[in-house]
Structures are given as structure tokens and as C-alpha cells.
Amino acid sequence: MLNIKSKPVLVLFGAERGTHCKALHPILEEALEEEFKDLFEIRFVNVDENSDIIKSLNISGIPVVAVFKNGEEIKRFNGERDYDDLCDFLDEVL
């Protein structure tokens, strides 16, 4: 039997209108391309269009970056991060 390990899923919860979300998004993309290429599945959830998900995960402010493994949330942070802090967070997850 093969034991295929699935990648963690990194989800950015944000909004098109959010200044902090717009600032975090390119930093996140850069880190995922340069330091963590192919180690995460990546998703964006627009909080304005997915209020049920936001409520069920107790998300009250944006942006939020959460990492899920096998359907369970394993770690999250709220707010902006610089490149180094973001890489530290992703290292901790792995």
C-alpha cells in the first residue's frame, strides 16, 4: 500500500478591499515561490463572499493566514507579516 502524504493547505482569508490583505498577498506569493515551492496547496477565501466559513472558523479580522492538514487547522496568524516573519511561520508549520 502506498502512503501518499498530502501537502498542507495554506489559506489566506481576506478581501479585495483590505489594504493589509493587498500588502500581505505579494509577500506570501514570493515566500511560497522562493522558499517553499511546491510544499503547500494555496487557496484564497474572500471573506465578503464566504461568511459561513468565516463564522465557523471564528475569524473576526483580516487578513488571516491559516494552515490545514488533513482537514484540521494546525496554525494561523492574523495581520500583516514581513517576509522573514512569514518564512518563520511557514518553517514552524513544516
PDB file of N, CA and C in Angstrom:
ATOM      1  N   MET A   1       0.843  -1.190   0.000  1.00  0.00           N
ATOM      2  CA  MET A   1       0.000   0.000   0.000  1.00  0.00           C
ATOM      3  C   MET A   1       0.882   1.244   0.000  1.00  0.00           C
ATOM      4  N   LEU A   2       0.542   2.203  -0.837  1.00  0.00           N
ATOM      5  CA  LEU A   2       1.274   3.455  -0.886  1.00  0.00           C
ATOM      6  C   LEU A   2       0.813   4.391   0.214  1.00  0.00           C
ATOM      7  N   ASN A   3       1.758   5.050   0.836  1.00  0.00           N
ATOM      8  CA  ASN A   3       1.437   6.062   1.836  1.00  0.00           C
ATOM      9  C   ASN A   3       1.748   7.420   1.220  1.00  0.00           C
ATOM     10  N   ILE A   4       0.757   8.048   0.654  1.00  0.00           N
ATOM     11  CA  ILE A   4       0.941   9.341  -0.006  1.00  0.00           C
ATOM     12  C   ILE A   4       0.599  10.434   0.997  1.00  0.00           C
ATOM     13  N   LYS A   5       1.577  11.233   1.307  1.00  0.00           N
ATOM     14  CA  LYS A   5       1.401  12.323   2.264  1.00  0.00           C
ATOM     15  C   LYS A   5       0.894  13.556   1.518  1.00  0.00           C
ATOM     16  N   SER A   6      -0.249  14.052   1.919  1.00  0.00           N
ATOM     17  CA  SER A   6      -0.790  15.240   1.253  1.00  0.00           C
ATOM     18  C   SER A   6      -0.100  16.498   1.777  1.00  0.00           C
ATOM     19  N   LYS A   7      -0.070  17.503   0.933  1.00  0.00           N
ATOM     20  CA  LYS A   7       0.533  18.779   1.296  1.00  0.00           C
ATOM     21  C   LYS A   7      -0.394  19.523   2.252  1.00  0.00           C
ATOM     22  N   PRO A   8       0.188  20.327   3.146  1.00  0.00           N
ATOM     23  CA  PRO A   8      -0.646  21.228   3.931  1.00  0.00           C
ATOM     24  C   PRO A   8      -1.304  22.251   3.007  1.00  0.00           C
ATOM     25  N   VAL A   9      -2.473  22.703   3.385  1.00  0.00           N
ATOM     26  CA  VAL A   9      -3.203  23.709   2.613  1.00  0.00           C
ATOM     27  C   VAL A   9      -3.092  25.040   3.346  1.00  0.00           C
ATOM     28  N   LEU A  10      -2.521  26.023   2.666  1.00  0.00           N
ATOM     29  CA  LEU A  10      -2.382  27.356   3.219  1.00  0.00           C
ATOM     30  C   LEU A  10      -3.511  28.203   2.655  1.00  0.00           C
ATOM     31  N   VAL A  11      -4.270  28.809   3.546  1.00  0.00           N
ATOM     32  CA  VAL A  11      -5.423  29.611   3.131  1.00  0.00           C
ATOM     33  C   VAL A  11      -5.235  31.044   3.614  1.00  0.00           C
ATOM     34  N   LEU A  12      -5.335  31.968   2.674  1.00  0.00           N
ATOM     35  CA  LEU A  12      -5.345  33.396   3.006  1.00  0.00           C
ATOM     36  C   LEU A  12      -6.797  33.840   3.013  1.00  0.00           C
ATOM     37  N   PHE A  13      -7.274  34.230   4.184  1.00  0.00           N
ATOM     38  CA  PHE A  13      -8.617  34.782   4.328  1.00  0.00           C
ATOM     39  C   PHE A  13      -8.479  36.293   4.260  1.00  0.00           C
ATOM     40  N   GLY A  14      -9.128  36.889   3.274  1.00  0.00           N
ATOM     41  CA  GLY A  14      -9.001  38.324   3.100  1.00  0.00           C
ATOM     42  C   GLY A  14     -10.122  38.878   2.259  1.00  0.00           C
ATOM     43  N   ALA A  15      -9.930  40.102   1.802  1.00  0.00           N
ATOM     44  CA  ALA A  15     -10.933  40.777   0.981  1.00  0.00           C
ATOM     45  C   ALA A  15     -10.219  41.657  -0.023  1.00  0.00           C
ATOM     46  N   GLU A  16     -10.858  41.837  -1.149  1.00  0.00           N
ATOM     47  CA  GLU A  16     -10.304  42.700  -2.191  1.00  0.00           C
ATOM     48  C   GLU A  16     -10.135  44.130  -1.691  1.00  0.00           C
ATOM     49  N   ARG A  17     -10.980  44.534  -0.789  1.00  0.00           N
ATOM     50  CA  ARG A  17     -10.966  45.904  -0.275  1.00  0.00           C
ATOM     51  C   ARG A  17      -9.918  46.118   0.808  1.00  0.00           C
ATOM     52  N   GLY A  18      -9.357  45.048   1.349  1.00  0.00           N
ATOM     53  CA  GLY A  18      -8.472  45.138   2.504  1.00  0.00           C
ATOM     54  C   GLY A  18      -7.053  45.578   2.164  1.00  0.00           C
ATOM     55  N   THR A  19      -6.642  46.696   2.725  1.00  0.00           N
ATOM     56  CA  THR A  19      -5.298  47.220   2.495  1.00  0.00           C
ATOM     57  C   THR A  19      -4.242  46.241   2.999  1.00  0.00           C
ATOM     58  N   HIS A  20      -4.436  45.695   4.189  1.00  0.00           N
ATOM     59  CA  HIS A  20      -3.472  44.750   4.758  1.00  0.00           C
ATOM     60  C   HIS A  20      -3.433  43.457   3.947  1.00  0.00           C
ATOM     61  N   CYS A  21      -4.565  43.049   3.431  1.00  0.00           N
ATOM     62  CA  CYS A  21      -4.625  41.842   2.591  1.00  0.00           C
ATOM     63  C   CYS A  21      -3.830  42.051   1.314  1.00  0.00           C
ATOM     64  N   LYS A  22      -4.016  43.219   0.715  1.00  0.00           N
ATOM     65  CA  LYS A  22      -3.293  43.535  -0.521  1.00  0.00           C
ATOM     66  C   LYS A  22      -1.792  43.602  -0.277  1.00  0.00           C
ATOM     67  N   ALA A  23      -1.387  44.046   0.898  1.00  0.00           N
ATOM     68  CA  ALA A  23       0.035  44.127   1.224  1.00  0.00           C
ATOM     69  C   ALA A  23       0.623  42.743   1.502  1.00  0.00           C
ATOM     70  N   LEU A  24      -0.134  41.884   2.145  1.00  0.00           N
ATOM     71  CA  LEU A  24       0.357  40.556   2.511  1.00  0.00           C
ATOM     72  C   LEU A  24       0.427  39.605   1.323  1.00  0.00           C
ATOM     73  N   HIS A  25      -0.512  39.704   0.419  1.00  0.00           N
ATOM     74  CA  HIS A  25      -0.624  38.755  -0.693  1.00  0.00           C
ATOM     75  C   HIS A  25       0.667  38.603  -1.504  1.00  0.00           C
ATOM     76  N   PRO A  26       1.307  39.685  -1.968  1.00  0.00           N
ATOM     77  CA  PRO A  26       2.546  39.502  -2.743  1.00  0.00           C
ATOM     78  C   PRO A  26       3.702  38.950  -1.916  1.00  0.00           C
ATOM     79  N   ILE A  27       3.763  39.282  -0.640  1.00  0.00           N
ATOM     80  CA  ILE A  27       4.805  38.744   0.233  1.00  0.00           C
ATOM     81  C   ILE A  27       4.612  37.239   0.385  1.00  0.00           C
ATOM     82  N   LEU A  28       3.379  36.836   0.559  1.00  0.00           N
ATOM     83  CA  LEU A  28       3.050  35.417   0.671  1.00  0.00           C
ATOM     84  C   LEU A  28       3.406  34.675  -0.614  1.00  0.00           C
ATOM     85  N   GLU A  29       3.032  35.234  -1.745  1.00  0.00           N
ATOM     86  CA  GLU A  29       3.349  34.598  -3.033  1.00  0.00           C
ATOM     87  C   GLU A  29       4.854  34.464  -3.230  1.00  0.00           C
ATOM     88  N   GLU A  30       5.601  35.494  -2.867  1.00  0.00           N
ATOM     89  CA  GLU A  30       7.056  35.463  -3.012  1.00  0.00           C
ATOM     90  C   GLU A  30       7.663  34.358  -2.148  1.00  0.00           C
ATOM     91  N   ALA A  31       7.252  34.269  -0.899  1.00  0.00           N
ATOM     92  CA  ALA A  31       7.777  33.236   0.002  1.00  0.00           C
ATOM     93  C   ALA A  31       7.448  31.842  -0.503  1.00  0.00           C
ATOM     94  N   LEU A  32       6.246  31.669  -1.019  1.00  0.00           N
ATOM     95  CA  LEU A  32       5.833  30.351  -1.494  1.00  0.00           C
ATOM     96  C   LEU A  32       6.544  29.967  -2.790  1.00  0.00           C
ATOM     97  N   GLU A  33       6.936  30.936  -3.574  1.00  0.00           N
ATOM     98  CA  GLU A  33       7.673  30.644  -4.808  1.00  0.00           C
ATOM     99  C   GLU A  33       9.163  30.439  -4.552  1.00  0.00           C
ATOM    100  N   GLU A  34       9.728  31.229  -3.645  1.00  0.00           N
ATOM    101  CA  GLU A  34      11.174  31.192  -3.451  1.00  0.00           C
ATOM    102  C   GLU A  34      11.621  30.185  -2.404  1.00  0.00           C
ATOM    103  N   GLU A  35      10.990  30.176  -1.266  1.00  0.00           N
ATOM    104  CA  GLU A  35      11.450  29.372  -0.142  1.00  0.00           C
ATOM    105  C   GLU A  35      10.684  28.058   0.029  1.00  0.00           C
ATOM    106  N   PHE A  36       9.425  28.044  -0.358  1.00  0.00           N
ATOM    107  CA  PHE A  36       8.555  26.918  -0.032  1.00  0.00           C
ATOM    108  C   PHE A  36       7.838  26.368  -1.258  1.00  0.00           C
ATOM    109  N   LYS A  37       8.505  26.405  -2.396  1.00  0.00           N
ATOM    110  CA  LYS A  37       7.905  25.982  -3.665  1.00  0.00           C
ATOM    111  C   LYS A  37       7.411  24.536  -3.566  1.00  0.00           C
ATOM    112  N   ASP A  38       6.174  24.327  -3.955  1.00  0.00           N
ATOM    113  CA  ASP A  38       5.543  23.009  -4.030  1.00  0.00           C
ATOM    114  C   ASP A  38       5.346  22.320  -2.676  1.00  0.00           C
ATOM    115  N   LEU A  39       5.474  23.054  -1.570  1.00  0.00           N
ATOM    116  CA  LEU A  39       5.289  22.440  -0.255  1.00  0.00           C
ATOM    117  C   LEU A  39       3.891  22.651   0.303  1.00  0.00           C
ATOM    118  N   PHE A  40       3.128  23.576  -0.286  1.00  0.00           N
ATOM    119  CA  PHE A  40       1.782  23.885   0.188  1.00  0.00           C
ATOM    120  C   PHE A  40       0.825  23.945  -0.991  1.00  0.00           C
ATOM    121  N   GLU A  41      -0.422  23.541  -0.757  1.00  0.00           N
ATOM    122  CA  GLU A  41      -1.522  23.902  -1.644  1.00  0.00           C
ATOM    123  C   GLU A  41      -1.956  25.286  -1.176  1.00  0.00           C
ATOM    124  N   ILE A  42      -2.320  26.164  -2.080  1.00  0.00           N
ATOM    125  CA  ILE A  42      -2.625  27.540  -1.721  1.00  0.00           C
ATOM    126  C   ILE A  42      -4.050  27.889  -2.138  1.00  0.00           C
ATOM    127  N   ARG A  43      -4.766  28.536  -1.237  1.00  0.00           N
ATOM    128  CA  ARG A  43      -6.136  28.975  -1.508  1.00  0.00           C
ATOM    129  C   ARG A  43      -6.335  30.386  -0.980  1.00  0.00           C
ATOM    130  N   PHE A  44      -7.262  31.117  -1.609  1.00  0.00           N
ATOM    131  CA  PHE A  44      -7.688  32.432  -1.135  1.00  0.00           C
ATOM    132  C   PHE A  44      -9.180  32.361  -0.878  1.00  0.00           C
ATOM    133  N   VAL A  45      -9.599  32.817   0.290  1.00  0.00           N
ATOM    134  CA  VAL A  45     -11.020  32.863   0.618  1.00  0.00           C
ATOM    135  C   VAL A  45     -11.401  34.318   0.840  1.00  0.00           C
ATOM    136  N   ASN A  46     -12.315  34.798   0.011  1.00  0.00           N
ATOM    137  CA  ASN A  46     -12.822  36.158   0.133  1.00  0.00           C
ATOM    138  C   ASN A  46     -13.863  36.169   1.249  1.00  0.00           C
ATOM    139  N   VAL A  47     -13.567  36.891   2.318  1.00  0.00           N
ATOM    140  CA  VAL A  47     -14.455  36.888   3.475  1.00  0.00           C
ATOM    141  C   VAL A  47     -15.803  37.529   3.175  1.00  0.00           C
ATOM    142  N   ASP A  48     -15.846  38.423   2.190  1.00  0.00           N
ATOM    143  CA  ASP A  48     -17.108  39.065   1.832  1.00  0.00           C
ATOM    144  C   ASP A  48     -18.068  38.094   1.142  1.00  0.00           C
ATOM    145  N   GLU A  49     -17.543  37.028   0.574  1.00  0.00           N
ATOM    146  CA  GLU A  49     -18.367  36.058  -0.160  1.00  0.00           C
ATOM    147  C   GLU A  49     -18.547  34.735   0.578  1.00  0.00           C
ATOM    148  N   ASN A  50     -17.920  34.572   1.741  1.00  0.00           N
ATOM    149  CA  ASN A  50     -17.935  33.289   2.441  1.00  0.00           C
ATOM    150  C   ASN A  50     -18.128  33.465   3.941  1.00  0.00           C
ATOM    151  N   SER A  51     -19.166  34.171   4.313  1.00  0.00           N
ATOM    152  CA  SER A  51     -19.373  34.496   5.726  1.00  0.00           C
ATOM    153  C   SER A  51     -19.595  33.254   6.600  1.00  0.00           C
ATOM    154  N   ASP A  52     -20.198  32.204   6.064  1.00  0.00           N
ATOM    155  CA  ASP A  52     -20.423  30.990   6.864  1.00  0.00           C
ATOM    156  C   ASP A  52     -19.107  30.344   7.276  1.00  0.00           C
ATOM    157  N   ILE A  53     -18.156  30.294   6.344  1.00  0.00           N
ATOM    158  CA  ILE A  53     -16.844  29.714   6.655  1.00  0.00           C
ATOM    159  C   ILE A  53     -16.126  30.569   7.695  1.00  0.00           C
ATOM    160  N   ILE A  54     -16.192  31.867   7.532  1.00  0.00           N
ATOM    161  CA  ILE A  54     -15.525  32.794   8.439  1.00  0.00           C
ATOM    162  C   ILE A  54     -16.079  32.640   9.852  1.00  0.00           C
ATOM    163  N   LYS A  55     -17.378  32.537   9.982  1.00  0.00           N
ATOM    164  CA  LYS A  55     -18.004  32.368  11.294  1.00  0.00           C
ATOM    165  C   LYS A  55     -17.614  31.030  11.916  1.00  0.00           C
ATOM    166  N   SER A  56     -17.611  29.975  11.118  1.00  0.00           N
ATOM    167  CA  SER A  56     -17.297  28.653  11.666  1.00  0.00           C
ATOM    168  C   SER A  56     -15.847  28.547  12.136  1.00  0.00           C
ATOM    169  N   LEU A  57     -14.964  29.358  11.577  1.00  0.00           N
ATOM    170  CA  LEU A  57     -13.557  29.335  11.972  1.00  0.00           C
ATOM    171  C   LEU A  57     -13.208  30.454  12.962  1.00  0.00           C
ATOM    172  N   ASN A  58     -14.220  31.202  13.410  1.00  0.00           N
ATOM    173  CA  ASN A  58     -14.022  32.290  14.368  1.00  0.00           C
ATOM    174  C   ASN A  58     -13.002  33.322  13.881  1.00  0.00           C
ATOM    175  N   ILE A  59     -13.127  33.718  12.633  1.00  0.00           N
ATOM    176  CA  ILE A  59     -12.261  34.744  12.073  1.00  0.00           C
ATOM    177  C   ILE A  59     -12.987  36.079  12.186  1.00  0.00           C
ATOM    178  N   SER A  60     -12.350  37.004  12.919  1.00  0.00           N
ATOM    179  CA  SER A  60     -13.015  38.279  13.140  1.00  0.00           C
ATOM    180  C   SER A  60     -12.300  39.449  12.471  1.00  0.00           C
ATOM    181  N   GLY A  61     -11.053  39.282  12.117  1.00  0.00           N
ATOM    182  CA  GLY A  61     -10.313  40.337  11.444  1.00  0.00           C
ATOM    183  C   GLY A  61      -9.504  39.748  10.304  1.00  0.00           C
ATOM    184  N   ILE A  62      -9.128  40.585   9.367  1.00  0.00           N
ATOM    185  CA  ILE A  62      -8.366  40.094   8.227  1.00  0.00           C
ATOM    186  C   ILE A  62      -7.128  40.964   8.039  1.00  0.00           C
ATOM    187  N   PRO A  63      -6.121  40.441   7.408  1.00  0.00           N
ATOM    188  CA  PRO A  63      -6.007  39.108   6.849  1.00  0.00           C
ATOM    189  C   PRO A  63      -5.697  38.060   7.913  1.00  0.00           C
ATOM    190  N   VAL A  64      -6.059  36.834   7.593  1.00  0.00           N
ATOM    191  CA  VAL A  64      -5.699  35.668   8.395  1.00  0.00           C
ATOM    192  C   VAL A  64      -5.084  34.657   7.452  1.00  0.00           C
ATOM    193  N   VAL A  65      -3.962  34.112   7.851  1.00  0.00           N
ATOM    194  CA  VAL A  65      -3.349  33.010   7.124  1.00  0.00           C
ATOM    195  C   VAL A  65      -3.449  31.794   8.033  1.00  0.00           C
ATOM    196  N   ALA A  66      -4.082  30.741   7.520  1.00  0.00           N
ATOM    197  CA  ALA A  66      -4.242  29.511   8.291  1.00  0.00           C
ATOM    198  C   ALA A  66      -3.729  28.346   7.467  1.00  0.00           C
ATOM    199  N   VAL A  67      -3.165  27.373   8.162  1.00  0.00           N
ATOM    200  CA  VAL A  67      -2.660  26.175   7.503  1.00  0.00           C
ATOM    201  C   VAL A  67      -3.453  24.991   8.019  1.00  0.00           C
ATOM    202  N   PHE A  68      -3.923  24.175   7.078  1.00  0.00           N
ATOM    203  CA  PHE A  68      -4.728  22.998   7.390  1.00  0.00           C
ATOM    204  C   PHE A  68      -3.996  21.755   6.910  1.00  0.00           C
ATOM    205  N   LYS A  69      -4.090  20.698   7.695  1.00  0.00           N
ATOM    206  CA  LYS A  69      -3.522  19.405   7.303  1.00  0.00           C
ATOM    207  C   LYS A  69      -4.582  18.349   7.588  1.00  0.00           C
ATOM    208  N   ASN A  70      -4.910  17.573   6.571  1.00  0.00           N
ATOM    209  CA  ASN A  70      -5.947  16.538   6.696  1.00  0.00           C
ATOM    210  C   ASN A  70      -7.258  17.117   7.228  1.00  0.00           C
ATOM    211  N   GLY A  71      -7.587  18.324   6.789  1.00  0.00           N
ATOM    212  CA  GLY A  71      -8.848  18.952   7.162  1.00  0.00           C
ATOM    213  C   GLY A  71      -8.862  19.643   8.512  1.00  0.00           C
ATOM    214  N   GLU A  72      -7.769  19.577   9.254  1.00  0.00           N
ATOM    215  CA  GLU A  72      -7.686  20.201  10.575  1.00  0.00           C
ATOM    216  C   GLU A  72      -6.767  21.413  10.528  1.00  0.00           C
ATOM    217  N   GLU A  73      -7.198  22.495  11.151  1.00  0.00           N
ATOM    218  CA  GLU A  73      -6.334  23.671  11.230  1.00  0.00           C
ATOM    219  C   GLU A  73      -5.187  23.372  12.189  1.00  0.00           C
ATOM    220  N   ILE A  74      -3.955  23.655  11.742  1.00  0.00           N
ATOM    221  CA  ILE A  74      -2.810  23.384  12.602  1.00  0.00           C
ATOM    222  C   ILE A  74      -2.126  24.645  13.107  1.00  0.00           C
ATOM    223  N   LYS A  75      -2.289  25.756  12.404  1.00  0.00           N
ATOM    224  CA  LYS A  75      -1.674  27.007  12.843  1.00  0.00           C
ATOM    225  C   LYS A  75      -2.263  28.164  12.036  1.00  0.00           C
ATOM    226  N   ARG A  76      -2.289  29.345  12.672  1.00  0.00           N
ATOM    227  CA  ARG A  76      -2.760  30.549  11.973  1.00  0.00           C
ATOM    228  C   ARG A  76      -2.082  31.776  12.543  1.00  0.00           C
ATOM    229  N   PHE A  77      -2.133  32.849  11.754  1.00  0.00           N
ATOM    230  CA  PHE A  77      -1.764  34.161  12.268  1.00  0.00           C
ATOM    231  C   PHE A  77      -2.698  35.192  11.673  1.00  0.00           C
ATOM    232  N   ASN A  78      -2.831  36.292  12.402  1.00  0.00           N
ATOM    233  CA  ASN A  78      -3.669  37.405  11.974  1.00  0.00           C
ATOM    234  C   ASN A  78      -2.775  38.592  11.659  1.00  0.00           C
ATOM    235  N   GLY A  79      -3.187  39.375  10.674  1.00  0.00           N
ATOM    236  CA  GLY A  79      -2.498  40.614  10.364  1.00  0.00           C
ATOM    237  C   GLY A  79      -1.364  40.452   9.376  1.00  0.00           C
ATOM    238  N   GLU A  80      -0.686  41.560   9.152  1.00  0.00           N
ATOM    239  CA  GLU A  80       0.430  41.585   8.203  1.00  0.00           C
ATOM    240  C   GLU A  80       1.672  40.972   8.830  1.00  0.00           C
ATOM    241  N   ARG A  81       2.525  40.449   7.987  1.00  0.00           N
ATOM    242  CA  ARG A  81       3.846  39.959   8.385  1.00  0.00           C
ATOM    243  C   ARG A  81       4.830  40.374   7.314  1.00  0.00           C
ATOM    244  N   ASP A  82       6.069  40.580   7.712  1.00  0.00           N
ATOM    245  CA  ASP A  82       7.082  40.818   6.692  1.00  0.00           C
ATOM    246  C   ASP A  82       7.576  39.464   6.192  1.00  0.00           C
ATOM    247  N   TYR A  83       8.440  39.495   5.196  1.00  0.00           N
ATOM    248  CA  TYR A  83       8.899  38.275   4.536  1.00  0.00           C
ATOM    249  C   TYR A  83       9.545  37.301   5.525  1.00  0.00           C
ATOM    250  N   ASP A  84      10.436  37.795   6.372  1.00  0.00           N
ATOM    251  CA  ASP A  84      11.140  36.918   7.317  1.00  0.00           C
ATOM    252  C   ASP A  84      10.196  36.297   8.336  1.00  0.00           C
ATOM    253  N   ASP A  85       9.265  37.075   8.867  1.00  0.00           N
ATOM    254  CA  ASP A  85       8.290  36.537   9.825  1.00  0.00           C
ATOM    255  C   ASP A  85       7.400  35.490   9.171  1.00  0.00           C
ATOM    256  N   LEU A  86       7.017  35.743   7.944  1.00  0.00           N
ATOM    257  CA  LEU A  86       6.189  34.791   7.213  1.00  0.00           C
ATOM    258  C   LEU A  86       6.949  33.484   6.989  1.00  0.00           C
ATOM    259  N   CYS A  87       8.212  33.578   6.604  1.00  0.00           N
ATOM    260  CA  CYS A  87       9.022  32.368   6.406  1.00  0.00           C
ATOM    261  C   CYS A  87       9.197  31.602   7.714  1.00  0.00           C
ATOM    262  N   ASP A  88       9.372  32.313   8.825  1.00  0.00           N
ATOM    263  CA  ASP A  88       9.464  31.648  10.132  1.00  0.00           C
ATOM    264  C   ASP A  88       8.184  30.884  10.443  1.00  0.00           C
ATOM    265  N   PHE A  89       7.053  31.503  10.172  1.00  0.00           N
ATOM    266  CA  PHE A  89       5.754  30.860  10.389  1.00  0.00           C
ATOM    267  C   PHE A  89       5.646  29.583   9.547  1.00  0.00           C
ATOM    268  N   LEU A  90       6.001  29.665   8.278  1.00  0.00           N
ATOM    269  CA  LEU A  90       5.896  28.510   7.396  1.00  0.00           C
ATOM    270  C   LEU A  90       6.875  27.414   7.792  1.00  0.00           C
ATOM    271  N   ASP A  91       8.053  27.780   8.258  1.00  0.00           N
ATOM    272  CA  ASP A  91       9.009  26.787   8.770  1.00  0.00           C
ATOM    273  C   ASP A  91       8.429  26.030   9.962  1.00  0.00           C
ATOM    274  N   GLU A  92       7.784  26.764  10.869  1.00  0.00           N
ATOM    275  CA  GLU A  92       7.188  26.140  12.060  1.00  0.00           C
ATOM    276  C   GLU A  92       6.112  25.124  11.665  1.00  0.00           C
ATOM    277  N   VAL A  93       5.369  25.434  10.620  1.00  0.00           N
ATOM    278  CA  VAL A  93       4.298  24.557  10.169  1.00  0.00           C
ATOM    279  C   VAL A  93       4.852  23.236   9.626  1.00  0.00           C
ATOM    280  N   LEU A  94       5.951  23.342   8.892  1.00  0.00           N
ATOM    281  CA  LEU A  94       6.540  22.148   8.284  1.00  0.00           C
ATOM    282  C   LEU A  94       7.304  21.357   9.321  1.00  0.00           C
TER     283      LEU A  94
END
